[in-house]
Protein backbone atom coordinates (compact mmCIF):
# COMPACT_ATOMS: atom_id res chain seq x y z
CA UNK A 1 0.00 0.00 0.00
CA UNK A 2 2.83 2.41 0.80
CA UNK A 3 4.41 1.72 -2.59
CA UNK A 4 1.11 2.41 -4.37
CA UNK A 5 0.55 5.58 -2.36
CA UNK A 6 4.01 6.85 -3.24
CA UNK A 7 3.54 5.98 -6.91
CA UNK A 8 0.16 7.76 -7.04
CA UNK A 9 1.64 10.88 -5.39
CA UNK A 10 4.56 11.05 -7.83
CA UNK A 11 2.29 10.34 -10.81
CA UNK A 12 -0.15 13.10 -9.86
CA UNK A 13 2.67 15.63 -9.65
CA UNK A 14 3.93 14.64 -13.10
CA UNK A 15 0.43 14.63 -14.61
CA UNK A 16 -0.83 17.91 -13.13
CA UNK A 17 2.28 20.03 -13.80
CA UNK A 18 1.51 21.90 -17.07
CA UNK A 19 3.34 20.61 -20.13
CA UNK A 20 3.01 20.31 -23.92
CA UNK A 21 -0.13 18.16 -23.79
CA UNK A 22 -2.12 20.62 -21.69
CA UNK A 23 -0.86 23.59 -23.71
CA UNK A 24 -1.98 21.89 -26.93
CA UNK A 25 -5.38 21.02 -25.48
CA UNK A 26 -5.96 24.65 -24.48
CA UNK A 27 -4.74 25.91 -27.87
CA UNK A 28 -7.10 23.64 -29.81
CA UNK A 29 -9.99 24.46 -27.49
CA UNK A 30 -9.37 28.17 -28.02
CA UNK A 31 -9.24 27.62 -31.79
CA UNK A 32 -12.21 25.31 -32.38
CA UNK A 33 -14.12 24.82 -29.15
CA UNK A 34 -14.80 22.02 -26.69
CA UNK A 35 -15.15 19.28 -29.32
CA UNK A 36 -11.59 19.90 -30.50
CA UNK A 37 -10.43 19.84 -26.88
CA UNK A 38 -12.05 16.45 -26.32
CA UNK A 39 -10.48 15.09 -29.52
CA UNK A 40 -7.06 16.40 -28.45
CA UNK A 41 -7.39 14.74 -25.05
CA UNK A 42 -8.40 11.46 -26.72
CA UNK A 43 -5.26 11.58 -28.89
CA UNK A 44 -3.09 12.32 -25.86
CA UNK A 45 -4.57 9.39 -23.95
CA UNK A 46 -4.01 7.04 -26.89
CA UNK A 47 -0.38 8.18 -26.99
CA UNK A 48 -0.06 7.53 -23.26
CA UNK A 49 -1.53 4.05 -23.73
CA UNK A 50 0.91 3.23 -26.54
CA UNK A 51 3.90 4.47 -24.55
CA UNK A 52 2.74 2.56 -21.47
CA UNK A 53 2.46 -0.62 -23.54
CA UNK A 54 5.93 0.04 -24.99
CA UNK A 55 7.33 0.49 -21.48
CA UNK A 56 5.80 -2.80 -20.31
CA UNK A 57 7.25 -4.54 -23.38
CA UNK A 58 10.66 -3.00 -22.73
CA UNK A 59 10.73 -0.99 -25.95
CA UNK A 60 11.37 2.33 -24.22
CA UNK A 61 14.64 0.87 -22.95
CA UNK A 62 15.81 0.73 -26.56
CA UNK A 63 14.96 4.41 -26.97
CA UNK A 64 16.91 5.60 -23.96
CA UNK A 65 19.81 3.26 -24.78
CA UNK A 66 20.26 4.85 -28.21
CA UNK A 67 21.74 8.32 -27.80
CA UNK A 68 21.23 9.15 -31.48
CA UNK A 69 17.65 7.88 -31.56
CA UNK A 70 16.77 9.74 -28.37
CA UNK A 71 18.29 12.96 -29.70
CA UNK A 72 16.47 12.62 -33.03
CA UNK A 73 13.14 12.06 -31.29
CA UNK A 74 13.78 15.02 -28.99
CA UNK A 75 14.52 17.35 -31.93
CA UNK A 76 11.47 16.10 -33.84
CA UNK A 77 9.26 16.62 -30.80
CA UNK A 78 10.67 20.10 -30.21
CA UNK A 79 10.06 21.05 -33.85
CA UNK A 80 6.49 19.78 -33.71
CA UNK A 81 5.75 21.73 -30.53
CA UNK A 82 7.18 24.87 -32.12
CA UNK A 83 4.99 24.31 -35.19
CA UNK A 84 1.88 23.95 -33.01
CA UNK A 85 2.88 27.04 -31.04
CA UNK A 86 3.23 29.09 -34.22
CA UNK A 87 -0.25 27.95 -35.27
CA UNK A 88 -1.65 29.10 -31.92
CA UNK A 89 0.07 32.47 -32.22
CA UNK A 90 -1.31 32.83 -35.74
CA UNK A 91 -4.78 32.36 -34.23
CA UNK A 92 -3.93 34.99 -31.62
CA UNK A 93 -3.07 37.60 -34.26
CA UNK A 94 -6.05 36.58 -36.42
CA UNK A 95 -8.42 37.09 -33.50
CA UNK A 96 -6.75 40.37 -32.68
CA UNK A 97 -7.18 41.66 -36.24
CA UNK A 98 -10.79 40.45 -36.35
CA UNK A 99 -11.58 42.13 -33.04
CA UNK A 100 -10.04 45.41 -34.16
CA UNK A 101 -11.91 45.33 -37.48
CA UNK A 102 -15.25 44.60 -35.77
CA UNK A 103 -14.64 47.36 -33.25
CA UNK A 104 -14.10 49.88 -36.05
CA UNK A 105 -17.16 48.73 -37.98
CA UNK A 106 -19.30 48.11 -34.89
CA UNK A 107 -20.09 44.73 -36.39
CA UNK A 108 -20.90 41.51 -34.56
CA UNK A 109 -18.25 39.98 -32.32
CA UNK A 110 -16.87 36.81 -33.95
CA UNK A 111 -17.54 33.55 -32.12
CA UNK A 112 -15.41 30.44 -31.89
CA UNK A 113 -15.90 28.32 -35.03
CA UNK A 114 -17.13 24.83 -34.02
CA UNK A 115 -14.85 21.94 -34.84
CA UNK A 116 -15.93 19.92 -37.86
CA UNK A 117 -15.43 16.15 -38.04
CA UNK A 118 -12.23 16.80 -40.00
CA UNK A 119 -11.11 19.40 -37.44
CA UNK A 120 -11.71 16.93 -34.62
CA UNK A 121 -9.62 14.31 -36.45
CA UNK A 122 -6.80 16.84 -36.87
CA UNK A 123 -6.96 17.72 -33.18
CA UNK A 124 -6.90 14.01 -32.27
CA UNK A 125 -3.87 13.45 -34.49
CA UNK A 126 -2.08 16.46 -33.01
CA UNK A 127 -2.62 15.18 -29.48
CA UNK A 128 -1.36 11.73 -30.41
CA UNK A 129 1.75 12.94 -32.25
CA UNK A 130 2.63 15.52 -29.59
CA UNK A 131 2.52 12.85 -26.89
CA UNK A 132 4.44 10.24 -28.86
CA UNK A 133 7.17 12.70 -29.88
CA UNK A 134 7.95 13.67 -26.31
CA UNK A 135 10.94 11.47 -25.34
CA UNK A 136 10.64 12.60 -21.72
CA UNK A 137 7.34 10.72 -21.47
CA UNK A 138 8.99 7.50 -22.64
CA UNK A 139 11.93 8.10 -20.31
CA UNK A 140 9.50 8.67 -17.45
CA UNK A 141 7.89 5.29 -18.00
CA UNK A 142 11.32 3.67 -17.99
CA UNK A 143 12.81 5.51 -15.02
CA UNK A 144 9.79 5.67 -12.70
CA UNK A 145 8.54 2.09 -12.75
CA UNK A 146 11.73 0.41 -11.44
CA UNK A 147 11.59 2.62 -8.33
CA UNK A 148 8.36 0.98 -7.15
CA UNK A 149 7.86 -2.69 -6.37
CA UNK A 150 4.63 -4.60 -5.79
CA UNK A 151 5.36 -7.79 -3.82
CA UNK A 152 3.99 -11.00 -5.25
CA UNK A 153 3.95 -9.82 -8.86
CA UNK A 154 6.32 -10.58 -11.72
CA UNK A 155 8.14 -7.58 -13.22
CA UNK A 156 5.84 -7.64 -16.27
CA UNK A 157 2.69 -7.80 -14.15
CA UNK A 158 4.06 -5.10 -11.86
CA UNK A 159 4.79 -2.73 -14.73
CA UNK A 160 1.39 -3.46 -16.26
CA UNK A 161 -0.39 -2.52 -13.02
CA UNK A 162 1.65 0.67 -12.60
CA UNK A 163 1.23 1.67 -16.25
CA UNK A 164 -2.51 1.10 -16.06
CA UNK A 165 -2.75 3.10 -12.84
CA UNK A 166 -0.79 6.00 -14.32
CA UNK A 167 -3.00 5.96 -17.43
CA UNK A 168 -6.18 6.02 -15.31
CA UNK A 169 -4.86 8.95 -13.25
CA UNK A 170 -4.02 10.85 -16.44
CA UNK A 171 -7.49 10.08 -17.81
CA UNK A 172 -9.09 11.41 -14.63
CA UNK A 173 -7.03 14.61 -14.89
CA UNK A 174 -8.07 15.30 -18.48
CA UNK A 175 -11.72 14.55 -17.67
CA UNK A 176 -11.53 17.16 -14.90
CA UNK A 177 -9.89 19.67 -17.27
CA UNK A 178 -12.58 19.11 -19.91
CA UNK A 179 -15.33 19.43 -17.30
CA UNK A 180 -13.83 22.75 -16.24
CA UNK A 181 -13.73 23.91 -19.86
CA UNK A 182 -17.39 22.92 -20.17
CA UNK A 183 -18.26 25.03 -17.13
CA UNK A 184 -16.58 28.06 -18.67
CA UNK A 185 -17.85 27.40 -22.20
CA UNK A 186 -19.47 30.84 -22.30
CA UNK A 187 -16.03 32.36 -21.78
CA UNK A 188 -14.65 30.31 -24.66
CA UNK A 189 -16.98 32.14 -27.03
CA UNK A 190 -15.61 35.54 -26.02
CA UNK A 191 -12.99 36.72 -28.51
CA UNK A 192 -10.89 38.39 -25.83
CA UNK A 193 -10.69 35.20 -23.76
CA UNK A 194 -9.96 33.03 -26.81
CA UNK A 195 -7.32 35.49 -27.95
CA UNK A 196 -5.58 35.40 -24.57
CA UNK A 197 -5.81 31.61 -24.38
CA UNK A 198 -4.37 31.26 -27.89
CA UNK A 199 -1.52 33.64 -27.08
CA UNK A 200 -0.61 31.99 -23.78
CA UNK A 201 -0.77 28.45 -25.18
CA UNK A 202 1.21 29.49 -28.29
CA UNK A 203 4.03 31.03 -26.25
CA UNK A 204 3.92 28.02 -23.92
CA UNK A 205 4.21 25.48 -26.74
CA UNK A 206 7.12 27.33 -28.36
CA UNK A 207 8.86 27.68 -24.98
CA UNK A 208 8.39 24.01 -24.18
CA UNK A 209 9.69 23.07 -27.63
CA UNK A 210 12.79 25.21 -27.11
CA UNK A 211 13.37 23.71 -23.67
CA UNK A 212 13.04 20.20 -25.07
CA UNK A 213 15.45 20.94 -27.91
CA UNK A 214 18.10 22.39 -25.59
CA UNK A 215 17.78 19.75 -22.88
CA UNK A 216 20.33 16.95 -22.77
C-alpha atoms as a PDB file:
ATOM      1  CA  UNK A   1       0.000   0.000   0.000  1.00  0.00           C
ATOM      2  CA  UNK A   2       2.829   2.413   0.803  1.00  0.00           C
ATOM      3  CA  UNK A   3       4.407   1.719  -2.593  1.00  0.00           C
ATOM      4  CA  UNK A   4       1.114   2.408  -4.374  1.00  0.00           C
ATOM      5  CA  UNK A   5       0.550   5.578  -2.356  1.00  0.00           C
ATOM      6  CA  UNK A   6       4.008   6.850  -3.243  1.00  0.00           C
ATOM      7  CA  UNK A   7       3.536   5.980  -6.908  1.00  0.00           C
ATOM      8  CA  UNK A   8       0.164   7.760  -7.035  1.00  0.00           C
ATOM      9  CA  UNK A   9       1.636  10.876  -5.394  1.00  0.00           C
ATOM     10  CA  UNK A  10       4.559  11.052  -7.834  1.00  0.00           C
ATOM     11  CA  UNK A  11       2.290  10.336 -10.809  1.00  0.00           C
ATOM     12  CA  UNK A  12      -0.151  13.104  -9.862  1.00  0.00           C
ATOM     13  CA  UNK A  13       2.669  15.634  -9.649  1.00  0.00           C
ATOM     14  CA  UNK A  14       3.928  14.639 -13.104  1.00  0.00           C
ATOM     15  CA  UNK A  15       0.429  14.632 -14.614  1.00  0.00           C
ATOM     16  CA  UNK A  16      -0.834  17.908 -13.128  1.00  0.00           C
ATOM     17  CA  UNK A  17       2.277  20.034 -13.797  1.00  0.00           C
ATOM     18  CA  UNK A  18       1.513  21.896 -17.070  1.00  0.00           C
ATOM     19  CA  UNK A  19       3.340  20.608 -20.134  1.00  0.00           C
ATOM     20  CA  UNK A  20       3.011  20.308 -23.916  1.00  0.00           C
ATOM     21  CA  UNK A  21      -0.133  18.159 -23.794  1.00  0.00           C
ATOM     22  CA  UNK A  22      -2.119  20.621 -21.690  1.00  0.00           C
ATOM     23  CA  UNK A  23      -0.865  23.594 -23.710  1.00  0.00           C
ATOM     24  CA  UNK A  24      -1.976  21.895 -26.929  1.00  0.00           C
ATOM     25  CA  UNK A  25      -5.376  21.025 -25.481  1.00  0.00           C
ATOM     26  CA  UNK A  26      -5.958  24.649 -24.483  1.00  0.00           C
ATOM     27  CA  UNK A  27      -4.741  25.911 -27.875  1.00  0.00           C
ATOM     28  CA  UNK A  28      -7.100  23.635 -29.813  1.00  0.00           C
ATOM     29  CA  UNK A  29      -9.988  24.457 -27.487  1.00  0.00           C
ATOM     30  CA  UNK A  30      -9.374  28.174 -28.024  1.00  0.00           C
ATOM     31  CA  UNK A  31      -9.241  27.623 -31.790  1.00  0.00           C
ATOM     32  CA  UNK A  32     -12.206  25.310 -32.377  1.00  0.00           C
ATOM     33  CA  UNK A  33     -14.117  24.823 -29.146  1.00  0.00           C
ATOM     34  CA  UNK A  34     -14.801  22.017 -26.694  1.00  0.00           C
ATOM     35  CA  UNK A  35     -15.148  19.281 -29.316  1.00  0.00           C
ATOM     36  CA  UNK A  36     -11.594  19.901 -30.496  1.00  0.00           C
ATOM     37  CA  UNK A  37     -10.427  19.840 -26.882  1.00  0.00           C
ATOM     38  CA  UNK A  38     -12.047  16.447 -26.318  1.00  0.00           C
ATOM     39  CA  UNK A  39     -10.482  15.087 -29.520  1.00  0.00           C
ATOM     40  CA  UNK A  40      -7.063  16.397 -28.454  1.00  0.00           C
ATOM     41  CA  UNK A  41      -7.391  14.741 -25.046  1.00  0.00           C
ATOM     42  CA  UNK A  42      -8.399  11.459 -26.718  1.00  0.00           C
ATOM     43  CA  UNK A  43      -5.261  11.579 -28.889  1.00  0.00           C
ATOM     44  CA  UNK A  44      -3.085  12.322 -25.857  1.00  0.00           C
ATOM     45  CA  UNK A  45      -4.573   9.387 -23.948  1.00  0.00           C
ATOM     46  CA  UNK A  46      -4.005   7.037 -26.888  1.00  0.00           C
ATOM     47  CA  UNK A  47      -0.380   8.183 -26.992  1.00  0.00           C
ATOM     48  CA  UNK A  48      -0.059   7.528 -23.261  1.00  0.00           C
ATOM     49  CA  UNK A  49      -1.534   4.046 -23.731  1.00  0.00           C
ATOM     50  CA  UNK A  50       0.910   3.231 -26.536  1.00  0.00           C
ATOM     51  CA  UNK A  51       3.900   4.473 -24.549  1.00  0.00           C
ATOM     52  CA  UNK A  52       2.743   2.562 -21.467  1.00  0.00           C
ATOM     53  CA  UNK A  53       2.460  -0.621 -23.537  1.00  0.00           C
ATOM     54  CA  UNK A  54       5.925   0.036 -24.986  1.00  0.00           C
ATOM     55  CA  UNK A  55       7.330   0.485 -21.477  1.00  0.00           C
ATOM     56  CA  UNK A  56       5.796  -2.798 -20.311  1.00  0.00           C
ATOM     57  CA  UNK A  57       7.245  -4.544 -23.375  1.00  0.00           C
ATOM     58  CA  UNK A  58      10.664  -3.004 -22.731  1.00  0.00           C
ATOM     59  CA  UNK A  59      10.728  -0.991 -25.949  1.00  0.00           C
ATOM     60  CA  UNK A  60      11.371   2.332 -24.221  1.00  0.00           C
ATOM     61  CA  UNK A  61      14.636   0.872 -22.952  1.00  0.00           C
ATOM     62  CA  UNK A  62      15.810   0.728 -26.557  1.00  0.00           C
ATOM     63  CA  UNK A  63      14.957   4.409 -26.972  1.00  0.00           C
ATOM     64  CA  UNK A  64      16.910   5.605 -23.965  1.00  0.00           C
ATOM     65  CA  UNK A  65      19.813   3.264 -24.776  1.00  0.00           C
ATOM     66  CA  UNK A  66      20.265   4.852 -28.211  1.00  0.00           C
ATOM     67  CA  UNK A  67      21.736   8.321 -27.801  1.00  0.00           C
ATOM     68  CA  UNK A  68      21.233   9.148 -31.481  1.00  0.00           C
ATOM     69  CA  UNK A  69      17.648   7.876 -31.558  1.00  0.00           C
ATOM     70  CA  UNK A  70      16.773   9.737 -28.368  1.00  0.00           C
ATOM     71  CA  UNK A  71      18.286  12.961 -29.702  1.00  0.00           C
ATOM     72  CA  UNK A  72      16.470  12.616 -33.035  1.00  0.00           C
ATOM     73  CA  UNK A  73      13.143  12.062 -31.290  1.00  0.00           C
ATOM     74  CA  UNK A  74      13.784  15.025 -28.991  1.00  0.00           C
ATOM     75  CA  UNK A  75      14.519  17.349 -31.931  1.00  0.00           C
ATOM     76  CA  UNK A  76      11.467  16.101 -33.843  1.00  0.00           C
ATOM     77  CA  UNK A  77       9.264  16.622 -30.799  1.00  0.00           C
ATOM     78  CA  UNK A  78      10.671  20.102 -30.211  1.00  0.00           C
ATOM     79  CA  UNK A  79      10.064  21.053 -33.846  1.00  0.00           C
ATOM     80  CA  UNK A  80       6.494  19.784 -33.715  1.00  0.00           C
ATOM     81  CA  UNK A  81       5.751  21.730 -30.527  1.00  0.00           C
ATOM     82  CA  UNK A  82       7.180  24.873 -32.115  1.00  0.00           C
ATOM     83  CA  UNK A  83       4.987  24.306 -35.187  1.00  0.00           C
ATOM     84  CA  UNK A  84       1.880  23.952 -33.008  1.00  0.00           C
ATOM     85  CA  UNK A  85       2.879  27.043 -31.041  1.00  0.00           C
ATOM     86  CA  UNK A  86       3.230  29.088 -34.223  1.00  0.00           C
ATOM     87  CA  UNK A  87      -0.250  27.951 -35.271  1.00  0.00           C
ATOM     88  CA  UNK A  88      -1.650  29.102 -31.924  1.00  0.00           C
ATOM     89  CA  UNK A  89       0.073  32.475 -32.216  1.00  0.00           C
ATOM     90  CA  UNK A  90      -1.315  32.833 -35.739  1.00  0.00           C
ATOM     91  CA  UNK A  91      -4.780  32.365 -34.230  1.00  0.00           C
ATOM     92  CA  UNK A  92      -3.927  34.988 -31.616  1.00  0.00           C
ATOM     93  CA  UNK A  93      -3.073  37.601 -34.258  1.00  0.00           C
ATOM     94  CA  UNK A  94      -6.047  36.584 -36.423  1.00  0.00           C
ATOM     95  CA  UNK A  95      -8.425  37.090 -33.503  1.00  0.00           C
ATOM     96  CA  UNK A  96      -6.745  40.371 -32.684  1.00  0.00           C
ATOM     97  CA  UNK A  97      -7.183  41.657 -36.241  1.00  0.00           C
ATOM     98  CA  UNK A  98     -10.794  40.448 -36.347  1.00  0.00           C
ATOM     99  CA  UNK A  99     -11.578  42.129 -33.036  1.00  0.00           C
ATOM    100  CA  UNK A 100     -10.036  45.414 -34.163  1.00  0.00           C
ATOM    101  CA  UNK A 101     -11.910  45.329 -37.476  1.00  0.00           C
ATOM    102  CA  UNK A 102     -15.249  44.602 -35.769  1.00  0.00           C
ATOM    103  CA  UNK A 103     -14.641  47.361 -33.246  1.00  0.00           C
ATOM    104  CA  UNK A 104     -14.101  49.878 -36.049  1.00  0.00           C
ATOM    105  CA  UNK A 105     -17.155  48.729 -37.984  1.00  0.00           C
ATOM    106  CA  UNK A 106     -19.301  48.107 -34.886  1.00  0.00           C
ATOM    107  CA  UNK A 107     -20.088  44.728 -36.386  1.00  0.00           C
ATOM    108  CA  UNK A 108     -20.902  41.507 -34.555  1.00  0.00           C
ATOM    109  CA  UNK A 109     -18.254  39.975 -32.322  1.00  0.00           C
ATOM    110  CA  UNK A 110     -16.867  36.809 -33.948  1.00  0.00           C
ATOM    111  CA  UNK A 111     -17.544  33.549 -32.121  1.00  0.00           C
ATOM    112  CA  UNK A 112     -15.414  30.441 -31.892  1.00  0.00           C
ATOM    113  CA  UNK A 113     -15.902  28.315 -35.030  1.00  0.00           C
ATOM    114  CA  UNK A 114     -17.125  24.834 -34.021  1.00  0.00           C
ATOM    115  CA  UNK A 115     -14.849  21.937 -34.838  1.00  0.00           C
ATOM    116  CA  UNK A 116     -15.931  19.917 -37.855  1.00  0.00           C
ATOM    117  CA  UNK A 117     -15.428  16.151 -38.044  1.00  0.00           C
ATOM    118  CA  UNK A 118     -12.225  16.801 -40.000  1.00  0.00           C
ATOM    119  CA  UNK A 119     -11.115  19.397 -37.444  1.00  0.00           C
ATOM    120  CA  UNK A 120     -11.710  16.926 -34.623  1.00  0.00           C
ATOM    121  CA  UNK A 121      -9.618  14.307 -36.454  1.00  0.00           C
ATOM    122  CA  UNK A 122      -6.800  16.838 -36.869  1.00  0.00           C
ATOM    123  CA  UNK A 123      -6.963  17.722 -33.176  1.00  0.00           C
ATOM    124  CA  UNK A 124      -6.897  14.014 -32.266  1.00  0.00           C
ATOM    125  CA  UNK A 125      -3.868  13.448 -34.488  1.00  0.00           C
ATOM    126  CA  UNK A 126      -2.078  16.460 -33.015  1.00  0.00           C
ATOM    127  CA  UNK A 127      -2.623  15.185 -29.475  1.00  0.00           C
ATOM    128  CA  UNK A 128      -1.362  11.730 -30.412  1.00  0.00           C
ATOM    129  CA  UNK A 129       1.754  12.942 -32.250  1.00  0.00           C
ATOM    130  CA  UNK A 130       2.631  15.519 -29.595  1.00  0.00           C
ATOM    131  CA  UNK A 131       2.516  12.855 -26.892  1.00  0.00           C
ATOM    132  CA  UNK A 132       4.444  10.235 -28.858  1.00  0.00           C
ATOM    133  CA  UNK A 133       7.170  12.696 -29.884  1.00  0.00           C
ATOM    134  CA  UNK A 134       7.949  13.675 -26.307  1.00  0.00           C
ATOM    135  CA  UNK A 135      10.935  11.474 -25.336  1.00  0.00           C
ATOM    136  CA  UNK A 136      10.645  12.596 -21.724  1.00  0.00           C
ATOM    137  CA  UNK A 137       7.336  10.719 -21.468  1.00  0.00           C
ATOM    138  CA  UNK A 138       8.987   7.499 -22.636  1.00  0.00           C
ATOM    139  CA  UNK A 139      11.932   8.100 -20.313  1.00  0.00           C
ATOM    140  CA  UNK A 140       9.496   8.665 -17.452  1.00  0.00           C
ATOM    141  CA  UNK A 141       7.893   5.292 -18.004  1.00  0.00           C
ATOM    142  CA  UNK A 142      11.319   3.666 -17.989  1.00  0.00           C
ATOM    143  CA  UNK A 143      12.815   5.513 -15.019  1.00  0.00           C
ATOM    144  CA  UNK A 144       9.794   5.666 -12.697  1.00  0.00           C
ATOM    145  CA  UNK A 145       8.541   2.090 -12.745  1.00  0.00           C
ATOM    146  CA  UNK A 146      11.726   0.410 -11.439  1.00  0.00           C
ATOM    147  CA  UNK A 147      11.588   2.619  -8.335  1.00  0.00           C
ATOM    148  CA  UNK A 148       8.363   0.977  -7.146  1.00  0.00           C
ATOM    149  CA  UNK A 149       7.857  -2.688  -6.372  1.00  0.00           C
ATOM    150  CA  UNK A 150       4.627  -4.595  -5.789  1.00  0.00           C
ATOM    151  CA  UNK A 151       5.357  -7.786  -3.822  1.00  0.00           C
ATOM    152  CA  UNK A 152       3.989 -11.004  -5.253  1.00  0.00           C
ATOM    153  CA  UNK A 153       3.950  -9.821  -8.864  1.00  0.00           C
ATOM    154  CA  UNK A 154       6.322 -10.577 -11.717  1.00  0.00           C
ATOM    155  CA  UNK A 155       8.137  -7.575 -13.223  1.00  0.00           C
ATOM    156  CA  UNK A 156       5.842  -7.639 -16.272  1.00  0.00           C
ATOM    157  CA  UNK A 157       2.690  -7.795 -14.153  1.00  0.00           C
ATOM    158  CA  UNK A 158       4.058  -5.096 -11.858  1.00  0.00           C
ATOM    159  CA  UNK A 159       4.793  -2.731 -14.735  1.00  0.00           C
ATOM    160  CA  UNK A 160       1.393  -3.457 -16.257  1.00  0.00           C
ATOM    161  CA  UNK A 161      -0.391  -2.516 -13.018  1.00  0.00           C
ATOM    162  CA  UNK A 162       1.646   0.668 -12.599  1.00  0.00           C
ATOM    163  CA  UNK A 163       1.235   1.675 -16.250  1.00  0.00           C
ATOM    164  CA  UNK A 164      -2.508   1.099 -16.056  1.00  0.00           C
ATOM    165  CA  UNK A 165      -2.751   3.102 -12.839  1.00  0.00           C
ATOM    166  CA  UNK A 166      -0.792   6.001 -14.318  1.00  0.00           C
ATOM    167  CA  UNK A 167      -3.004   5.962 -17.426  1.00  0.00           C
ATOM    168  CA  UNK A 168      -6.180   6.024 -15.309  1.00  0.00           C
ATOM    169  CA  UNK A 169      -4.860   8.951 -13.250  1.00  0.00           C
ATOM    170  CA  UNK A 170      -4.020  10.852 -16.441  1.00  0.00           C
ATOM    171  CA  UNK A 171      -7.489  10.085 -17.811  1.00  0.00           C
ATOM    172  CA  UNK A 172      -9.092  11.409 -14.628  1.00  0.00           C
ATOM    173  CA  UNK A 173      -7.034  14.608 -14.891  1.00  0.00           C
ATOM    174  CA  UNK A 174      -8.072  15.303 -18.476  1.00  0.00           C
ATOM    175  CA  UNK A 175     -11.717  14.547 -17.667  1.00  0.00           C
ATOM    176  CA  UNK A 176     -11.527  17.163 -14.904  1.00  0.00           C
ATOM    177  CA  UNK A 177      -9.887  19.672 -17.268  1.00  0.00           C
ATOM    178  CA  UNK A 178     -12.583  19.107 -19.906  1.00  0.00           C
ATOM    179  CA  UNK A 179     -15.331  19.426 -17.299  1.00  0.00           C
ATOM    180  CA  UNK A 180     -13.833  22.752 -16.242  1.00  0.00           C
ATOM    181  CA  UNK A 181     -13.733  23.910 -19.856  1.00  0.00           C
ATOM    182  CA  UNK A 182     -17.394  22.916 -20.165  1.00  0.00           C
ATOM    183  CA  UNK A 183     -18.261  25.025 -17.130  1.00  0.00           C
ATOM    184  CA  UNK A 184     -16.580  28.062 -18.673  1.00  0.00           C
ATOM    185  CA  UNK A 185     -17.853  27.398 -22.196  1.00  0.00           C
ATOM    186  CA  UNK A 186     -19.468  30.840 -22.297  1.00  0.00           C
ATOM    187  CA  UNK A 187     -16.034  32.365 -21.784  1.00  0.00           C
ATOM    188  CA  UNK A 188     -14.649  30.311 -24.658  1.00  0.00           C
ATOM    189  CA  UNK A 189     -16.983  32.137 -27.031  1.00  0.00           C
ATOM    190  CA  UNK A 190     -15.610  35.541 -26.018  1.00  0.00           C
ATOM    191  CA  UNK A 191     -12.993  36.725 -28.515  1.00  0.00           C
ATOM    192  CA  UNK A 192     -10.887  38.391 -25.829  1.00  0.00           C
ATOM    193  CA  UNK A 193     -10.687  35.205 -23.761  1.00  0.00           C
ATOM    194  CA  UNK A 194      -9.962  33.030 -26.811  1.00  0.00           C
ATOM    195  CA  UNK A 195      -7.320  35.491 -27.952  1.00  0.00           C
ATOM    196  CA  UNK A 196      -5.581  35.399 -24.571  1.00  0.00           C
ATOM    197  CA  UNK A 197      -5.806  31.609 -24.384  1.00  0.00           C
ATOM    198  CA  UNK A 198      -4.366  31.255 -27.890  1.00  0.00           C
ATOM    199  CA  UNK A 199      -1.522  33.637 -27.078  1.00  0.00           C
ATOM    200  CA  UNK A 200      -0.605  31.987 -23.779  1.00  0.00           C
ATOM    201  CA  UNK A 201      -0.766  28.454 -25.181  1.00  0.00           C
ATOM    202  CA  UNK A 202       1.213  29.487 -28.285  1.00  0.00           C
ATOM    203  CA  UNK A 203       4.033  31.026 -26.253  1.00  0.00           C
ATOM    204  CA  UNK A 204       3.917  28.019 -23.917  1.00  0.00           C
ATOM    205  CA  UNK A 205       4.211  25.483 -26.744  1.00  0.00           C
ATOM    206  CA  UNK A 206       7.123  27.327 -28.365  1.00  0.00           C
ATOM    207  CA  UNK A 207       8.858  27.676 -24.985  1.00  0.00           C
ATOM    208  CA  UNK A 208       8.390  24.007 -24.182  1.00  0.00           C
ATOM    209  CA  UNK A 209       9.692  23.069 -27.627  1.00  0.00           C
ATOM    210  CA  UNK A 210      12.794  25.214 -27.112  1.00  0.00           C
ATOM    211  CA  UNK A 211      13.374  23.714 -23.666  1.00  0.00           C
ATOM    212  CA  UNK A 212      13.038  20.199 -25.065  1.00  0.00           C
ATOM    213  CA  UNK A 213      15.454  20.935 -27.913  1.00  0.00           C
ATOM    214  CA  UNK A 214      18.099  22.393 -25.587  1.00  0.00           C
ATOM    215  CA  UNK A 215      17.783  19.749 -22.885  1.00  0.00           C
ATOM    216  CA  UNK A 216      20.327  16.954 -22.767  1.00  0.00           C
END
